[in-house]
Amino acid sequence: MRIGAQVSQAGGWLAALRRAEDMGAEVVQLFAQSNRQWRPPPSSDELYACFRQALGASPVVGQVVCHAPYLINLISPDRPTARRSRSFLVANLRAATALGATALVLHPGSHRGVGEGSALARVGRAARRALEEAEQADGRVCQLLFENTAGAGGTVGRTTAELARLVEAAGADPRVGVCLDTQHLFASGVAFATPEEAQAVVEALLAALGPGRLRLLHLNDSKVPLGANRDRHANLGEGWIGAGPLACLLGQPDLQGLAAVLEVPGAGQGPRPADLQAARELHRAGLARLGEGPLPKGRGPRRAG
């Protein structure tokens, strides 16, 4: 399992890459544009080429993934927002591909009154069309990964069944997959406190999605309890999930080929080297103790130190 982080992009993509290298991240997650503004990604081919060259020469970072801006909502009932969302999804797919990213992670969106079945179908169709439109002349386009949601505000993609229907609605395109966020999973009401529970969760997800569809992890603890349906990330071992359950999940054999990206607050500025170290320790603990009985259950949030 390759472990990395979402890092600060102050100073640009190259500065973010250096930060990832300095903290020992094997994977770095970036935004191709402002994550909270309707501002398109840069258009300079030279900028993308410089980043790809630096990435290829990096002795530490071996993989880049991008995250789509949170404003994108392909099923917004507001037509201008829906049109803008489709346009910006295409632009972000193109930018992520130009950066050399393996995938673009997308929050599926909120239906806000649209029927759930209709919403899932619309997101899937829009995703398929965006991939087709973003495809380069040489056939290149990065993967598009639907991220599971915590379940608040009419969001789609909360359950395993919904994620599977999103992939199906996208025509089962081989470029479409899923990113599993541990905090969202827990907040949506799914427990994985023991190796047995974690195994059941992973097996159910893989059975529903099909082979090779689960392609990335977002590794986070939770500031809210099980089933709270809110997206609130905590540092590993400091939230309601706890170190034991996270280790149970990270130790699952079917997850070992994936990259895991930390999206934790750290000390307020995002993941730190200590957070990466904590993730690696949990991973090792999960591998070492798998099959040796239950690990300690999460006991609710605790203070760092």
C-alpha atoms as a PDB file:
ATOM      1  CA  MET A   1       0.000   0.000   0.000  1.00  0.00           C
ATOM      2  CA  ARG A   2       1.385   3.389  -1.042  1.00  0.00           C
ATOM      3  CA  ILE A   3       0.609   6.097   1.506  1.00  0.00           C
ATOM      4  CA  GLY A   4       0.488   9.805   0.747  1.00  0.00           C
ATOM      5  CA  ALA A   5      -1.381  13.013   1.420  1.00  0.00           C
ATOM      6  CA  GLN A   6      -3.293  16.021   0.188  1.00  0.00           C
ATOM      7  CA  VAL A   7      -0.798  18.851   0.699  1.00  0.00           C
ATOM      8  CA  SER A   8      -0.902  22.633   0.654  1.00  0.00           C
ATOM      9  CA  GLN A   9      -0.643  24.123  -2.830  1.00  0.00           C
ATOM     10  CA  ALA A  10       0.626  27.506  -1.729  1.00  0.00           C
ATOM     11  CA  GLY A  11       3.189  28.490  -4.329  1.00  0.00           C
ATOM     12  CA  GLY A  12       1.791  26.173  -6.985  1.00  0.00           C
ATOM     13  CA  TRP A  13       1.976  22.530  -7.997  1.00  0.00           C
ATOM     14  CA  LEU A  14       5.768  22.268  -7.940  1.00  0.00           C
ATOM     15  CA  ALA A  15       5.863  23.652  -4.409  1.00  0.00           C
ATOM     16  CA  ALA A  16       3.226  21.099  -3.401  1.00  0.00           C
ATOM     17  CA  LEU A  17       5.309  18.300  -4.907  1.00  0.00           C
ATOM     18  CA  ARG A  18       8.331  19.428  -2.886  1.00  0.00           C
ATOM     19  CA  ARG A  19       6.256  19.474   0.300  1.00  0.00           C
ATOM     20  CA  ALA A  20       5.082  15.945  -0.414  1.00  0.00           C
ATOM     21  CA  GLU A  21       8.671  14.829  -0.968  1.00  0.00           C
ATOM     22  CA  ASP A  22       9.870  16.498   2.232  1.00  0.00           C
ATOM     23  CA  MET A  23       7.215  14.712   4.292  1.00  0.00           C
ATOM     24  CA  GLY A  24       7.915  11.338   2.671  1.00  0.00           C
ATOM     25  CA  ALA A  25       4.601  10.965   0.820  1.00  0.00           C
ATOM     26  CA  GLU A  26       4.590   8.270  -1.849  1.00  0.00           C
ATOM     27  CA  VAL A  27       1.387   9.723  -3.325  1.00  0.00           C
ATOM     28  CA  VAL A  28       0.296  13.342  -3.551  1.00  0.00           C
ATOM     29  CA  GLN A  29      -3.248  14.600  -4.101  1.00  0.00           C
ATOM     30  CA  LEU A  30      -3.717  17.983  -5.748  1.00  0.00           C
ATOM     31  CA  PHE A  31      -6.480  20.240  -6.960  1.00  0.00           C
ATOM     32  CA  ALA A  32      -6.117  21.128 -10.628  1.00  0.00           C
ATOM     33  CA  GLN A  33      -7.878  24.434  -9.899  1.00  0.00           C
ATOM     34  CA  SER A  34      -9.237  26.345  -6.915  1.00  0.00           C
ATOM     35  CA  ASN A  35     -11.360  23.895  -4.980  1.00  0.00           C
ATOM     36  CA  ARG A  36     -13.945  26.506  -3.958  1.00  0.00           C
ATOM     37  CA  GLN A  37     -14.033  28.971  -6.860  1.00  0.00           C
ATOM     38  CA  TRP A  38     -15.283  28.787 -10.433  1.00  0.00           C
ATOM     39  CA  ARG A  39     -11.824  29.517 -11.777  1.00  0.00           C
ATOM     40  CA  PRO A  40     -10.644  27.197 -14.589  1.00  0.00           C
ATOM     41  CA  PRO A  41      -7.355  25.278 -14.416  1.00  0.00           C
ATOM     42  CA  PRO A  42      -4.240  26.919 -15.905  1.00  0.00           C
ATOM     43  CA  SER A  43      -3.878  26.628 -19.674  1.00  0.00           C
ATOM     44  CA  SER A  44      -0.067  26.745 -19.964  1.00  0.00           C
ATOM     45  CA  ASP A  45       1.288  23.564 -21.573  1.00  0.00           C
ATOM     46  CA  GLU A  46       4.728  24.477 -20.248  1.00  0.00           C
ATOM     47  CA  LEU A  47       3.457  24.512 -16.666  1.00  0.00           C
ATOM     48  CA  TYR A  48       2.074  20.995 -16.999  1.00  0.00           C
ATOM     49  CA  ALA A  49       5.231  19.760 -18.735  1.00  0.00           C
ATOM     50  CA  CYS A  50       7.430  21.138 -15.941  1.00  0.00           C
ATOM     51  CA  PHE A  51       5.354  19.369 -13.336  1.00  0.00           C
ATOM     52  CA  ARG A  52       5.418  16.040 -15.194  1.00  0.00           C
ATOM     53  CA  GLN A  53       9.187  16.304 -15.522  1.00  0.00           C
ATOM     54  CA  ALA A  54       9.594  17.001 -11.797  1.00  0.00           C
ATOM     55  CA  LEU A  55       7.262  14.147 -10.925  1.00  0.00           C
ATOM     56  CA  GLY A  56       9.177  11.741 -13.138  1.00  0.00           C
ATOM     57  CA  ALA A  57      12.420  12.727 -11.421  1.00  0.00           C
ATOM     58  CA  SER A  58      11.035  12.513  -7.887  1.00  0.00           C
ATOM     59  CA  PRO A  59      12.792   9.939  -5.681  1.00  0.00           C
ATOM     60  CA  VAL A  60       9.837   9.894  -3.264  1.00  0.00           C
ATOM     61  CA  VAL A  61       6.490  10.645  -4.933  1.00  0.00           C
ATOM     62  CA  GLY A  62       5.498   7.986  -7.418  1.00  0.00           C
ATOM     63  CA  GLN A  63       1.856   8.847  -8.043  1.00  0.00           C
ATOM     64  CA  VAL A  64      -0.348  11.915  -8.369  1.00  0.00           C
ATOM     65  CA  VAL A  65      -4.112  11.985  -8.074  1.00  0.00           C
ATOM     66  CA  CYS A  66      -6.299  15.065  -8.432  1.00  0.00           C
ATOM     67  CA  HIS A  67      -9.513  16.024  -6.685  1.00  0.00           C
ATOM     68  CA  ALA A  68     -12.299  17.825  -8.526  1.00  0.00           C
ATOM     69  CA  PRO A  69     -13.501  21.121  -6.979  1.00  0.00           C
ATOM     70  CA  TYR A  70     -16.271  20.777  -4.416  1.00  0.00           C
ATOM     71  CA  LEU A  71     -18.485  23.195  -6.343  1.00  0.00           C
ATOM     72  CA  ILE A  72     -19.139  20.665  -9.095  1.00  0.00           C
ATOM     73  CA  ASN A  73     -22.669  19.249  -8.825  1.00  0.00           C
ATOM     74  CA  LEU A  74     -23.715  17.481 -12.001  1.00  0.00           C
ATOM     75  CA  ILE A  75     -27.296  17.078 -10.752  1.00  0.00           C
ATOM     76  CA  SER A  76     -27.872  20.571  -9.440  1.00  0.00           C
ATOM     77  CA  PRO A  77     -31.493  21.689  -9.978  1.00  0.00           C
ATOM     78  CA  ASP A  78     -30.049  25.074 -10.972  1.00  0.00           C
ATOM     79  CA  ARG A  79     -29.420  24.739 -14.707  1.00  0.00           C
ATOM     80  CA  PRO A  80     -26.535  27.234 -14.956  1.00  0.00           C
ATOM     81  CA  THR A  81     -24.760  25.426 -12.106  1.00  0.00           C
ATOM     82  CA  ALA A  82     -25.328  22.044 -13.739  1.00  0.00           C
ATOM     83  CA  ARG A  83     -23.968  23.308 -17.088  1.00  0.00           C
ATOM     84  CA  ARG A  84     -20.969  24.903 -15.415  1.00  0.00           C
ATOM     85  CA  SER A  85     -20.358  21.700 -13.450  1.00  0.00           C
ATOM     86  CA  ARG A  86     -20.231  19.619 -16.617  1.00  0.00           C
ATOM     87  CA  SER A  87     -17.857  22.083 -18.275  1.00  0.00           C
ATOM     88  CA  PHE A  88     -15.537  22.222 -15.260  1.00  0.00           C
ATOM     89  CA  LEU A  89     -15.500  18.444 -14.924  1.00  0.00           C
ATOM     90  CA  VAL A  90     -14.171  18.187 -18.475  1.00  0.00           C
ATOM     91  CA  ALA A  91     -11.600  20.912 -17.780  1.00  0.00           C
ATOM     92  CA  ASN A  92     -10.432  19.165 -14.612  1.00  0.00           C
ATOM     93  CA  LEU A  93     -10.129  15.807 -16.365  1.00  0.00           C
ATOM     94  CA  ARG A  94      -7.965  17.439 -19.019  1.00  0.00           C
ATOM     95  CA  ALA A  95      -5.828  19.229 -16.431  1.00  0.00           C
ATOM     96  CA  ALA A  96      -5.382  16.110 -14.299  1.00  0.00           C
ATOM     97  CA  THR A  97      -4.337  14.160 -17.385  1.00  0.00           C
ATOM     98  CA  ALA A  98      -1.851  16.907 -18.327  1.00  0.00           C
ATOM     99  CA  LEU A  99      -0.374  16.771 -14.816  1.00  0.00           C
ATOM    100  CA  GLY A 100       0.254  13.052 -15.187  1.00  0.00           C
ATOM    101  CA  ALA A 101      -2.368  12.150 -12.563  1.00  0.00           C
ATOM    102  CA  THR A 102      -3.702   8.619 -12.552  1.00  0.00           C
ATOM    103  CA  ALA A 103      -7.194   9.748 -11.544  1.00  0.00           C
ATOM    104  CA  LEU A 104      -9.564  12.583 -10.753  1.00  0.00           C
ATOM    105  CA  VAL A 105     -11.704  12.067  -7.636  1.00  0.00           C
ATOM    106  CA  LEU A 106     -15.256  13.425  -7.810  1.00  0.00           C
ATOM    107  CA  HIS A 107     -17.951  13.896  -5.182  1.00  0.00           C
ATOM    108  CA  PRO A 108     -21.029  12.592  -7.052  1.00  0.00           C
ATOM    109  CA  GLY A 109     -23.199  15.527  -5.972  1.00  0.00           C
ATOM    110  CA  SER A 110     -26.474  16.317  -4.238  1.00  0.00           C
ATOM    111  CA  HIS A 111     -29.829  15.725  -5.905  1.00  0.00           C
ATOM    112  CA  ARG A 112     -31.712  18.277  -3.766  1.00  0.00           C
ATOM    113  CA  GLY A 113     -35.135  16.913  -4.518  1.00  0.00           C
ATOM    114  CA  VAL A 114     -34.425  15.049  -7.750  1.00  0.00           C
ATOM    115  CA  GLY A 115     -35.414  11.381  -7.493  1.00  0.00           C
ATOM    116  CA  GLU A 116     -32.506   9.209  -6.369  1.00  0.00           C
ATOM    117  CA  GLY A 117     -32.692   6.834  -9.322  1.00  0.00           C
ATOM    118  CA  SER A 118     -32.826   9.689 -11.794  1.00  0.00           C
ATOM    119  CA  ALA A 119     -29.954  11.443 -10.007  1.00  0.00           C
ATOM    120  CA  LEU A 120     -27.687   8.389 -10.184  1.00  0.00           C
ATOM    121  CA  ALA A 121     -28.419   7.910 -13.872  1.00  0.00           C
ATOM    122  CA  ARG A 122     -27.739  11.560 -14.665  1.00  0.00           C
ATOM    123  CA  VAL A 123     -24.416  11.585 -12.834  1.00  0.00           C
ATOM    124  CA  GLY A 124     -23.316   8.420 -14.612  1.00  0.00           C
ATOM    125  CA  ARG A 125     -24.257   9.728 -18.050  1.00  0.00           C
ATOM    126  CA  ALA A 126     -22.553  13.068 -17.402  1.00  0.00           C
ATOM    127  CA  ALA A 127     -19.393  11.307 -16.243  1.00  0.00           C
ATOM    128  CA  ARG A 128     -19.267   9.156 -19.366  1.00  0.00           C
ATOM    129  CA  ARG A 129     -19.748  12.152 -21.633  1.00  0.00           C
ATOM    130  CA  ALA A 130     -17.092  14.135 -19.756  1.00  0.00           C
ATOM    131  CA  LEU A 131     -14.541  11.361 -20.204  1.00  0.00           C
ATOM    132  CA  GLU A 132     -15.289  11.200 -23.908  1.00  0.00           C
ATOM    133  CA  GLU A 133     -14.998  14.958 -24.309  1.00  0.00           C
ATOM    134  CA  ALA A 134     -11.806  15.179 -22.232  1.00  0.00           C
ATOM    135  CA  GLU A 135     -10.039  12.395 -24.099  1.00  0.00           C
ATOM    136  CA  GLN A 136      -6.921  13.663 -25.857  1.00  0.00           C
ATOM    137  CA  ALA A 137      -6.122  13.107 -29.532  1.00  0.00           C
ATOM    138  CA  ASP A 138      -3.808  10.251 -28.544  1.00  0.00           C
ATOM    139  CA  GLY A 139      -6.556   8.616 -26.469  1.00  0.00           C
ATOM    140  CA  ARG A 140      -5.210   9.687 -23.084  1.00  0.00           C
ATOM    141  CA  VAL A 141      -7.496  10.643 -20.235  1.00  0.00           C
ATOM    142  CA  CYS A 142      -7.099   9.864 -16.552  1.00  0.00           C
ATOM    143  CA  GLN A 143      -9.534   7.753 -14.577  1.00  0.00           C
ATOM    144  CA  LEU A 144     -12.600   9.271 -12.935  1.00  0.00           C
ATOM    145  CA  LEU A 145     -13.295   7.988  -9.417  1.00  0.00           C
ATOM    146  CA  PHE A 146     -16.602   8.467  -7.616  1.00  0.00           C
ATOM    147  CA  GLU A 147     -16.010   9.082  -3.904  1.00  0.00           C
ATOM    148  CA  ASN A 148     -18.430   7.646  -1.363  1.00  0.00           C
ATOM    149  CA  THR A 149     -20.246  10.288   0.649  1.00  0.00           C
ATOM    150  CA  ALA A 150     -21.135  10.704   4.324  1.00  0.00           C
ATOM    151  CA  GLY A 151     -24.835  10.970   3.466  1.00  0.00           C
ATOM    152  CA  ALA A 152     -25.700  14.590   4.258  1.00  0.00           C
ATOM    153  CA  GLY A 153     -27.797  16.975   2.197  1.00  0.00           C
ATOM    154  CA  GLY A 154     -29.272  14.572  -0.331  1.00  0.00           C
ATOM    155  CA  THR A 155     -25.868  13.426  -1.574  1.00  0.00           C
ATOM    156  CA  VAL A 156     -25.652  10.380  -3.792  1.00  0.00           C
ATOM    157  CA  GLY A 157     -22.982   7.711  -3.513  1.00  0.00           C
ATOM    158  CA  ARG A 158     -23.490   7.017   0.186  1.00  0.00           C
ATOM    159  CA  THR A 159     -24.064   3.271  -0.059  1.00  0.00           C
ATOM    160  CA  THR A 160     -22.301   0.431  -1.823  1.00  0.00           C
ATOM    161  CA  ALA A 161     -25.393  -0.077  -3.971  1.00  0.00           C
ATOM    162  CA  GLU A 162     -25.419   3.572  -5.055  1.00  0.00           C
ATOM    163  CA  LEU A 163     -21.724   3.480  -5.961  1.00  0.00           C
ATOM    164  CA  ALA A 164     -22.315   0.375  -8.052  1.00  0.00           C
ATOM    165  CA  ARG A 165     -25.239   2.047  -9.817  1.00  0.00           C
ATOM    166  CA  LEU A 166     -23.073   5.096 -10.576  1.00  0.00           C
ATOM    167  CA  VAL A 167     -20.469   2.881 -12.248  1.00  0.00           C
ATOM    168  CA  GLU A 168     -23.201   1.069 -14.172  1.00  0.00           C
ATOM    169  CA  ALA A 169     -24.799   4.377 -15.228  1.00  0.00           C
ATOM    170  CA  ALA A 170     -21.421   5.469 -16.582  1.00  0.00           C
ATOM    171  CA  GLY A 171     -21.631   2.527 -18.965  1.00  0.00           C
ATOM    172  CA  ALA A 172     -19.179   0.466 -16.875  1.00  0.00           C
ATOM    173  CA  ASP A 173     -16.484   2.473 -18.641  1.00  0.00           C
ATOM    174  CA  PRO A 174     -13.093   0.956 -17.713  1.00  0.00           C
ATOM    175  CA  ARG A 175     -11.860   4.451 -16.811  1.00  0.00           C
ATOM    176  CA  VAL A 176     -14.495   4.774 -14.069  1.00  0.00           C
ATOM    177  CA  GLY A 177     -13.884   3.558 -10.531  1.00  0.00           C
ATOM    178  CA  VAL A 178     -14.423   4.323  -6.849  1.00  0.00           C
ATOM    179  CA  CYS A 179     -12.469   6.099  -4.115  1.00  0.00           C
ATOM    180  CA  LEU A 180     -13.351   4.868  -0.614  1.00  0.00           C
ATOM    181  CA  ASP A 181     -13.153   7.491   2.146  1.00  0.00           C
ATOM    182  CA  THR A 182     -12.918   5.939   5.621  1.00  0.00           C
ATOM    183  CA  GLN A 183     -14.519   8.884   7.423  1.00  0.00           C
ATOM    184  CA  HIS A 184     -17.406   9.056   4.977  1.00  0.00           C
ATOM    185  CA  LEU A 185     -17.881   5.293   5.297  1.00  0.00           C
ATOM    186  CA  PHE A 186     -18.069   5.505   9.089  1.00  0.00           C
ATOM    187  CA  ALA A 187     -20.278   8.608   9.113  1.00  0.00           C
ATOM    188  CA  SER A 188     -22.678   6.916   6.694  1.00  0.00           C
ATOM    189  CA  GLY A 189     -23.250   4.220   9.321  1.00  0.00           C
ATOM    190  CA  VAL A 190     -20.815   1.456   8.340  1.00  0.00           C
ATOM    191  CA  ALA A 191     -18.744   0.001  11.196  1.00  0.00           C
ATOM    192  CA  PHE A 192     -15.444  -1.866  10.766  1.00  0.00           C
ATOM    193  CA  ALA A 193     -14.291  -2.215  14.366  1.00  0.00           C
ATOM    194  CA  THR A 194     -12.930  -5.774  14.053  1.00  0.00           C
ATOM    195  CA  PRO A 195     -11.021  -7.646  11.329  1.00  0.00           C
ATOM    196  CA  GLU A 196     -14.182  -9.635  10.653  1.00  0.00           C
ATOM    197  CA  GLU A 197     -16.329  -6.531  10.209  1.00  0.00           C
ATOM    198  CA  ALA A 198     -13.684  -4.887   8.022  1.00  0.00           C
ATOM    199  CA  GLN A 199     -13.422  -7.993   5.863  1.00  0.00           C
ATOM    200  CA  ALA A 200     -17.195  -8.102   5.417  1.00  0.00           C
ATOM    201  CA  VAL A 201     -17.280  -4.427   4.406  1.00  0.00           C
ATOM    202  CA  VAL A 202     -14.522  -4.833   1.828  1.00  0.00           C
ATOM    203  CA  GLU A 203     -15.946  -8.059   0.408  1.00  0.00           C
ATOM    204  CA  ALA A 204     -19.415  -6.515   0.026  1.00  0.00           C
ATOM    205  CA  LEU A 205     -17.994  -3.463  -1.714  1.00  0.00           C
ATOM    206  CA  LEU A 206     -15.868  -5.479  -4.138  1.00  0.00           C
ATOM    207  CA  ALA A 207     -18.730  -7.853  -4.888  1.00  0.00           C
ATOM    208  CA  ALA A 208     -21.063  -4.970  -5.708  1.00  0.00           C
ATOM    209  CA  LEU A 209     -18.565  -2.959  -7.771  1.00  0.00           C
ATOM    210  CA  GLY A 210     -16.875  -5.781  -9.617  1.00  0.00           C
ATOM    211  CA  PRO A 211     -13.186  -6.552 -10.062  1.00  0.00           C
ATOM    212  CA  GLY A 212     -10.795  -3.620 -10.211  1.00  0.00           C
ATOM    213  CA  ARG A 213     -13.318  -0.852  -9.555  1.00  0.00           C
ATOM    214  CA  LEU A 214     -12.040   0.132  -6.091  1.00  0.00           C
ATOM    215  CA  ARG A 215      -8.906   2.121  -6.938  1.00  0.00           C
ATOM    216  CA  LEU A 216      -8.074   4.583  -4.154  1.00  0.00           C
ATOM    217  CA  LEU A 217      -8.479   5.161  -0.416  1.00  0.00           C
ATOM    218  CA  HIS A 218      -8.946   8.417   1.447  1.00  0.00           C
ATOM    219  CA  LEU A 219      -7.656   7.687   4.943  1.00  0.00           C
ATOM    220  CA  ASN A 220      -9.249   9.781   7.700  1.00  0.00           C
ATOM    221  CA  ASP A 221     -10.562   9.482  11.244  1.00  0.00           C
ATOM    222  CA  SER A 222     -13.918  11.069  12.110  1.00  0.00           C
ATOM    223  CA  LYS A 223     -14.901  14.060  14.251  1.00  0.00           C
ATOM    224  CA  VAL A 224     -18.471  12.744  14.329  1.00  0.00           C
ATOM    225  CA  PRO A 225     -19.871   9.429  15.590  1.00  0.00           C
ATOM    226  CA  LEU A 226     -21.013   6.417  13.606  1.00  0.00           C
ATOM    227  CA  GLY A 227     -23.971   7.260  11.370  1.00  0.00           C
ATOM    228  CA  ALA A 228     -23.822  11.032  11.916  1.00  0.00           C
ATOM    229  CA  ASN A 229     -23.983  11.660   8.132  1.00  0.00           C
ATOM    230  CA  ARG A 230     -21.539  14.556   8.277  1.00  0.00           C
ATOM    231  CA  ASP A 231     -18.221  15.031   6.484  1.00  0.00           C
ATOM    232  CA  ARG A 232     -15.810  15.935   9.307  1.00  0.00           C
ATOM    233  CA  HIS A 233     -12.244  14.594   9.196  1.00  0.00           C
ATOM    234  CA  ALA A 234     -10.003  14.033  12.224  1.00  0.00           C
ATOM    235  CA  ASN A 235      -6.365  13.005  12.606  1.00  0.00           C
ATOM    236  CA  LEU A 236      -5.807   9.257  12.731  1.00  0.00           C
ATOM    237  CA  GLY A 237      -6.488   7.817  16.162  1.00  0.00           C
ATOM    238  CA  GLU A 238      -7.974  11.077  17.478  1.00  0.00           C
ATOM    239  CA  GLY A 239     -11.562  10.618  16.342  1.00  0.00           C
ATOM    240  CA  TRP A 240     -14.593   8.404  16.779  1.00  0.00           C
ATOM    241  CA  ILE A 241     -13.245   5.640  14.535  1.00  0.00           C
ATOM    242  CA  GLY A 242     -10.004   5.156  16.456  1.00  0.00           C
ATOM    243  CA  ALA A 243      -6.709   3.485  15.659  1.00  0.00           C
ATOM    244  CA  GLY A 244      -7.867  -0.124  16.042  1.00  0.00           C
ATOM    245  CA  PRO A 245     -10.673  -0.089  13.459  1.00  0.00           C
ATOM    246  CA  LEU A 246      -8.552   1.867  10.976  1.00  0.00           C
ATOM    247  CA  ALA A 247      -5.834  -0.770  11.310  1.00  0.00           C
ATOM    248  CA  CYS A 248      -8.441  -3.494  10.766  1.00  0.00           C
ATOM    249  CA  LEU A 249      -9.411  -1.909   7.477  1.00  0.00           C
ATOM    250  CA  LEU A 250      -5.886  -1.109   6.288  1.00  0.00           C
ATOM    251  CA  GLY A 251      -4.785  -4.677   6.900  1.00  0.00           C
ATOM    252  CA  GLN A 252      -7.343  -6.197   4.545  1.00  0.00           C
ATOM    253  CA  PRO A 253      -5.557  -8.199   1.803  1.00  0.00           C
ATOM    254  CA  ASP A 254      -7.802  -6.896  -0.988  1.00  0.00           C
ATOM    255  CA  LEU A 255      -6.721  -3.314  -0.295  1.00  0.00           C
ATOM    256  CA  GLN A 256      -2.962  -3.827  -0.433  1.00  0.00           C
ATOM    257  CA  GLY A 257      -2.495  -2.769  -4.048  1.00  0.00           C
ATOM    258  CA  LEU A 258      -4.186   0.597  -3.512  1.00  0.00           C
ATOM    259  CA  ALA A 259      -2.837   4.051  -2.709  1.00  0.00           C
ATOM    260  CA  ALA A 260      -4.098   5.701   0.491  1.00  0.00           C
ATOM    261  CA  VAL A 261      -4.296   9.497   0.711  1.00  0.00           C
ATOM    262  CA  LEU A 262      -4.483  11.343   4.029  1.00  0.00           C
ATOM    263  CA  GLU A 263      -6.900  14.289   4.159  1.00  0.00           C
ATOM    264  CA  VAL A 264      -6.500  15.025   7.862  1.00  0.00           C
ATOM    265  CA  PRO A 265      -6.241  18.464   9.502  1.00  0.00           C
ATOM    266  CA  GLY A 266      -2.847  17.896  11.131  1.00  0.00           C
ATOM    267  CA  ALA A 267      -2.181  20.920  13.315  1.00  0.00           C
ATOM    268  CA  GLY A 268      -4.445  23.040  11.116  1.00  0.00           C
ATOM    269  CA  GLN A 269      -2.464  23.121   7.879  1.00  0.00           C
ATOM    270  CA  GLY A 270      -3.055  19.588   6.643  1.00  0.00           C
ATOM    271  CA  PRO A 271      -1.141  16.323   7.013  1.00  0.00           C
ATOM    272  CA  ARG A 272       2.286  16.371   8.674  1.00  0.00           C
ATOM    273  CA  PRO A 273       5.150  13.846   8.550  1.00  0.00           C
ATOM    274  CA  ALA A 274       3.866  12.528  11.887  1.00  0.00           C
ATOM    275  CA  ASP A 275       0.483  11.817  10.317  1.00  0.00           C
ATOM    276  CA  LEU A 276       2.098   9.802   7.535  1.00  0.00           C
ATOM    277  CA  GLN A 277       4.076   7.892  10.133  1.00  0.00           C
ATOM    278  CA  ALA A 278       0.871   7.178  12.068  1.00  0.00           C
ATOM    279  CA  ALA A 279      -0.759   5.857   8.893  1.00  0.00           C
ATOM    280  CA  ARG A 280       2.158   3.545   8.178  1.00  0.00           C
ATOM    281  CA  GLU A 281       2.130   2.255  11.754  1.00  0.00           C
ATOM    282  CA  LEU A 282      -1.587   1.493  11.510  1.00  0.00           C
ATOM    283  CA  HIS A 283      -1.029  -0.275   8.212  1.00  0.00           C
ATOM    284  CA  ARG A 284       1.732  -2.430   9.691  1.00  0.00           C
ATOM    285  CA  ALA A 285      -0.401  -3.188  12.747  1.00  0.00           C
ATOM    286  CA  GLY A 286      -3.312  -4.232  10.580  1.00  0.00           C
ATOM    287  CA  LEU A 287      -1.155  -6.562   8.503  1.00  0.00           C
ATOM    288  CA  ALA A 288       0.548  -8.041  11.556  1.00  0.00           C
ATOM    289  CA  ARG A 289      -2.586  -8.685  13.588  1.00  0.00           C
ATOM    290  CA  LEU A 290      -4.997  -9.754  10.884  1.00  0.00           C
ATOM    291  CA  GLY A 291      -6.522 -13.005  11.978  1.00  0.00           C
ATOM    292  CA  GLU A 292      -5.256 -12.720  15.560  1.00  0.00           C
ATOM    293  CA  GLY A 293      -8.548 -11.533  17.017  1.00  0.00           C
ATOM    294  CA  PRO A 294     -10.128  -8.096  17.315  1.00  0.00           C
ATOM    295  CA  LEU A 295      -8.016  -4.980  17.610  1.00  0.00           C
ATOM    296  CA  PRO A 296      -9.003  -2.354  20.202  1.00  0.00           C
ATOM    297  CA  LYS A 297     -12.247  -0.638  19.263  1.00  0.00           C
ATOM    298  CA  GLY A 298     -12.494   3.105  18.808  1.00  0.00           C
ATOM    299  CA  ARG A 299     -13.565   4.756  22.054  1.00  0.00           C
ATOM    300  CA  GLY A 300     -14.483   8.169  20.751  1.00  0.00           C
ATOM    301  CA  PRO A 301     -12.376  11.235  20.259  1.00  0.00           C
ATOM    302  CA  ARG A 302      -9.341  11.886  22.377  1.00  0.00           C
ATOM    303  CA  ARG A 303      -6.905  14.766  22.570  1.00  0.00           C
ATOM    304  CA  ALA A 304      -3.592  14.553  20.757  1.00  0.00           C
ATOM    305  CA  GLY A 305      -0.599  13.919  23.020  1.00  0.00           C
END
